[in-house]
Amino acid sequence: MAGLLPSSSINGATVPRQQLLYAYPEFTGVSITNVPIGSSNYNSFQSKVTHRFGRGLAVQGSFTISKSLEQVSVLNAPDVNLSNLLATPLEKRLTAFDAPRALAIVTSYELSSEREGDTAEPRACC
């Protein structure tokens, strides 16, 4: 196996006999990555107010109070329960994109060619 497995502990001129007796001697260990455990949670209170003024003017305001939590990583590597991965205790923390408060105000003005109460006949074009 000399030269066949670069950056490996068994790449030398001599290999321990025990390693050669394994079914796949080129593998020296197993690591667990990307285990599908964890959860995320989003809670919010949302409020919206709309007021229409005369002559096409309107204002809308919305306000949100929220909290976004996740449990996706272990606090310490030895906490991983290898016999039951779903029972592994995970760290509960705020997510990276948590925005606890949001305020938005929008105004709009409607342009119209006809006004209310205008009963004049439409003008012909051309």
C-alpha atoms as a PDB file:
ATOM      1  CA  MET A   1       0.000   0.000   0.000  1.00  0.00           C
ATOM      2  CA  ALA A   2       3.052   2.282  -0.034  1.00  0.00           C
ATOM      3  CA  GLY A   3       2.272   5.336  -2.121  1.00  0.00           C
ATOM      4  CA  LEU A   4      -1.335   4.298  -2.843  1.00  0.00           C
ATOM      5  CA  LEU A   5      -3.014   6.263  -0.044  1.00  0.00           C
ATOM      6  CA  PRO A   6      -1.473   9.740   0.169  1.00  0.00           C
ATOM      7  CA  SER A   7      -2.113  11.687   3.396  1.00  0.00           C
ATOM      8  CA  SER A   8      -3.038   8.491   5.211  1.00  0.00           C
ATOM      9  CA  SER A   9      -1.489   6.851   8.257  1.00  0.00           C
ATOM     10  CA  ILE A  10      -1.084   3.554   6.354  1.00  0.00           C
ATOM     11  CA  ASN A  11       0.779   4.986   3.360  1.00  0.00           C
ATOM     12  CA  GLY A  12       4.219   3.838   4.580  1.00  0.00           C
ATOM     13  CA  ALA A  13       6.393   0.891   3.585  1.00  0.00           C
ATOM     14  CA  THR A  14       5.046  -1.191   6.479  1.00  0.00           C
ATOM     15  CA  VAL A  15       1.409  -1.566   7.527  1.00  0.00           C
ATOM     16  CA  PRO A  16       0.235  -3.149  10.789  1.00  0.00           C
ATOM     17  CA  ARG A  17      -1.028  -6.696  10.219  1.00  0.00           C
ATOM     18  CA  GLN A  18      -4.279  -6.000  12.092  1.00  0.00           C
ATOM     19  CA  GLN A  19      -5.147  -3.264   9.590  1.00  0.00           C
ATOM     20  CA  LEU A  20      -4.717  -5.662   6.651  1.00  0.00           C
ATOM     21  CA  LEU A  21      -7.175  -8.124   8.208  1.00  0.00           C
ATOM     22  CA  TYR A  22     -10.084  -5.668   8.006  1.00  0.00           C
ATOM     23  CA  ALA A  23     -12.562  -5.969   5.103  1.00  0.00           C
ATOM     24  CA  TYR A  24     -11.582  -2.534   3.838  1.00  0.00           C
ATOM     25  CA  PRO A  25      -8.041  -1.876   5.088  1.00  0.00           C
ATOM     26  CA  GLU A  26      -7.791   1.496   3.321  1.00  0.00           C
ATOM     27  CA  PHE A  27     -10.287   2.975   5.815  1.00  0.00           C
ATOM     28  CA  THR A  28      -8.897   3.680   9.279  1.00  0.00           C
ATOM     29  CA  GLY A  29     -11.896   5.297  10.947  1.00  0.00           C
ATOM     30  CA  VAL A  30     -15.494   6.427  10.659  1.00  0.00           C
ATOM     31  CA  SER A  31     -16.780   9.929  11.179  1.00  0.00           C
ATOM     32  CA  ILE A  32     -20.400  10.980  11.425  1.00  0.00           C
ATOM     33  CA  THR A  33     -21.290  14.226   9.666  1.00  0.00           C
ATOM     34  CA  ASN A  34     -24.518  15.876   8.521  1.00  0.00           C
ATOM     35  CA  VAL A  35     -26.785  13.851  10.789  1.00  0.00           C
ATOM     36  CA  PRO A  36     -30.402  14.898  10.118  1.00  0.00           C
ATOM     37  CA  ILE A  37     -31.312  15.874  13.673  1.00  0.00           C
ATOM     38  CA  GLY A  38     -32.494  19.208  14.981  1.00  0.00           C
ATOM     39  CA  SER A  39     -35.398  21.595  14.743  1.00  0.00           C
ATOM     40  CA  SER A  40     -36.245  25.228  14.166  1.00  0.00           C
ATOM     41  CA  ASN A  41     -39.097  27.299  15.537  1.00  0.00           C
ATOM     42  CA  TYR A  42     -40.596  30.675  14.494  1.00  0.00           C
ATOM     43  CA  ASN A  43     -43.145  32.581  16.609  1.00  0.00           C
ATOM     44  CA  SER A  44     -44.490  36.029  15.840  1.00  0.00           C
ATOM     45  CA  PHE A  45     -47.177  38.628  16.525  1.00  0.00           C
ATOM     46  CA  GLN A  46     -48.156  40.640  13.445  1.00  0.00           C
ATOM     47  CA  SER A  47     -50.331  43.732  13.229  1.00  0.00           C
ATOM     48  CA  LYS A  48     -51.420  45.754  10.198  1.00  0.00           C
ATOM     49  CA  VAL A  49     -53.291  49.070   9.946  1.00  0.00           C
ATOM     50  CA  THR A  50     -54.571  50.645   6.726  1.00  0.00           C
ATOM     51  CA  HIS A  51     -56.107  54.104   6.392  1.00  0.00           C
ATOM     52  CA  ARG A  52     -57.475  55.575   3.176  1.00  0.00           C
ATOM     53  CA  PHE A  53     -57.641  59.326   2.933  1.00  0.00           C
ATOM     54  CA  GLY A  54     -59.562  61.265   0.304  1.00  0.00           C
ATOM     55  CA  ARG A  55     -58.356  61.928  -3.254  1.00  0.00           C
ATOM     56  CA  GLY A  56     -56.471  58.630  -3.695  1.00  0.00           C
ATOM     57  CA  LEU A  57     -54.044  58.819  -0.763  1.00  0.00           C
ATOM     58  CA  ALA A  58     -53.596  55.703   1.416  1.00  0.00           C
ATOM     59  CA  VAL A  59     -51.215  54.781   4.244  1.00  0.00           C
ATOM     60  CA  GLN A  60     -50.486  51.282   5.502  1.00  0.00           C
ATOM     61  CA  GLY A  61     -48.351  50.353   8.502  1.00  0.00           C
ATOM     62  CA  SER A  62     -47.351  46.923   9.773  1.00  0.00           C
ATOM     63  CA  PHE A  63     -45.430  45.848  12.871  1.00  0.00           C
ATOM     64  CA  THR A  64     -44.007  42.417  13.724  1.00  0.00           C
ATOM     65  CA  ILE A  65     -42.505  41.081  16.957  1.00  0.00           C
ATOM     66  CA  SER A  66     -40.849  37.707  16.399  1.00  0.00           C
ATOM     67  CA  LYS A  67     -38.381  35.148  17.667  1.00  0.00           C
ATOM     68  CA  SER A  68     -36.676  32.486  15.573  1.00  0.00           C
ATOM     69  CA  LEU A  69     -34.972  29.645  17.473  1.00  0.00           C
ATOM     70  CA  GLU A  70     -32.975  26.634  16.308  1.00  0.00           C
ATOM     71  CA  GLN A  71     -31.626  23.435  17.834  1.00  0.00           C
ATOM     72  CA  VAL A  72     -29.170  22.060  15.280  1.00  0.00           C
ATOM     73  CA  SER A  73     -25.745  21.698  16.887  1.00  0.00           C
ATOM     74  CA  VAL A  74     -24.305  20.030  19.957  1.00  0.00           C
ATOM     75  CA  LEU A  75     -22.737  22.199  22.627  1.00  0.00           C
ATOM     76  CA  ASN A  76     -19.889  19.733  23.244  1.00  0.00           C
ATOM     77  CA  ALA A  77     -18.723  16.949  20.917  1.00  0.00           C
ATOM     78  CA  PRO A  78     -18.768  14.277  23.699  1.00  0.00           C
ATOM     79  CA  ASP A  79     -22.515  14.911  24.157  1.00  0.00           C
ATOM     80  CA  VAL A  80     -23.335  12.932  20.983  1.00  0.00           C
ATOM     81  CA  ASN A  81     -25.328   9.804  21.819  1.00  0.00           C
ATOM     82  CA  LEU A  82     -24.020   7.260  19.281  1.00  0.00           C
ATOM     83  CA  SER A  83     -26.487   4.548  20.290  1.00  0.00           C
ATOM     84  CA  ASN A  84     -29.461   6.861  19.546  1.00  0.00           C
ATOM     85  CA  LEU A  85     -28.586   9.983  17.543  1.00  0.00           C
ATOM     86  CA  LEU A  86     -32.104  11.391  17.881  1.00  0.00           C
ATOM     87  CA  ALA A  87     -31.660  11.505  21.680  1.00  0.00           C
ATOM     88  CA  THR A  88     -28.565  13.736  21.439  1.00  0.00           C
ATOM     89  CA  PRO A  89     -29.029  16.949  23.487  1.00  0.00           C
ATOM     90  CA  LEU A  90     -28.753  20.010  21.230  1.00  0.00           C
ATOM     91  CA  GLU A  91     -28.008  23.679  21.972  1.00  0.00           C
ATOM     92  CA  LYS A  92     -31.031  25.989  21.756  1.00  0.00           C
ATOM     93  CA  ARG A  93     -30.151  29.438  20.356  1.00  0.00           C
ATOM     94  CA  LEU A  94     -31.387  32.320  18.215  1.00  0.00           C
ATOM     95  CA  THR A  95     -30.927  31.843  14.472  1.00  0.00           C
ATOM     96  CA  ALA A  96     -28.497  33.988  12.512  1.00  0.00           C
ATOM     97  CA  PHE A  97     -31.341  35.726  10.633  1.00  0.00           C
ATOM     98  CA  ASP A  98     -33.499  36.504  13.695  1.00  0.00           C
ATOM     99  CA  ALA A  99     -35.082  39.974  13.439  1.00  0.00           C
ATOM    100  CA  PRO A 100     -36.979  40.567  16.701  1.00  0.00           C
ATOM    101  CA  ARG A 101     -38.874  43.683  15.546  1.00  0.00           C
ATOM    102  CA  ALA A 102     -39.864  44.978  12.119  1.00  0.00           C
ATOM    103  CA  LEU A 103     -41.802  48.116  11.197  1.00  0.00           C
ATOM    104  CA  ALA A 104     -42.921  48.944   7.665  1.00  0.00           C
ATOM    105  CA  ILE A 105     -44.835  52.022   6.519  1.00  0.00           C
ATOM    106  CA  VAL A 106     -46.111  52.340   2.968  1.00  0.00           C
ATOM    107  CA  THR A 107     -47.887  55.265   1.361  1.00  0.00           C
ATOM    108  CA  SER A 108     -49.600  55.241  -1.996  1.00  0.00           C
ATOM    109  CA  TYR A 109     -51.296  57.818  -4.156  1.00  0.00           C
ATOM    110  CA  GLU A 110     -53.643  56.749  -6.907  1.00  0.00           C
ATOM    111  CA  LEU A 111     -53.504  58.849 -10.025  1.00  0.00           C
ATOM    112  CA  SER A 112     -56.755  58.799 -11.912  1.00  0.00           C
ATOM    113  CA  SER A 113     -57.949  60.486 -15.055  1.00  0.00           C
ATOM    114  CA  GLU A 114     -61.523  60.647 -13.777  1.00  0.00           C
ATOM    115  CA  ARG A 115     -62.636  62.105 -10.480  1.00  0.00           C
ATOM    116  CA  GLU A 116     -65.552  60.923  -8.396  1.00  0.00           C
ATOM    117  CA  GLY A 117     -68.783  62.506  -9.449  1.00  0.00           C
ATOM    118  CA  ASP A 118     -67.422  63.436 -12.897  1.00  0.00           C
ATOM    119  CA  THR A 119     -70.179  62.396 -15.289  1.00  0.00           C
ATOM    120  CA  ALA A 120     -68.737  63.953 -18.416  1.00  0.00           C
ATOM    121  CA  GLU A 121     -68.613  61.782 -21.500  1.00  0.00           C
ATOM    122  CA  PRO A 122     -65.193  60.365 -22.348  1.00  0.00           C
ATOM    123  CA  ARG A 123     -63.417  62.346 -25.025  1.00  0.00           C
ATOM    124  CA  ALA A 124     -62.702  60.734 -28.333  1.00  0.00           C
ATOM    125  CA  CYS A 125     -59.118  60.444 -29.330  1.00  0.00           C
ATOM    126  CA  CYS A 126     -57.614  61.243 -32.746  1.00  0.00           C
END
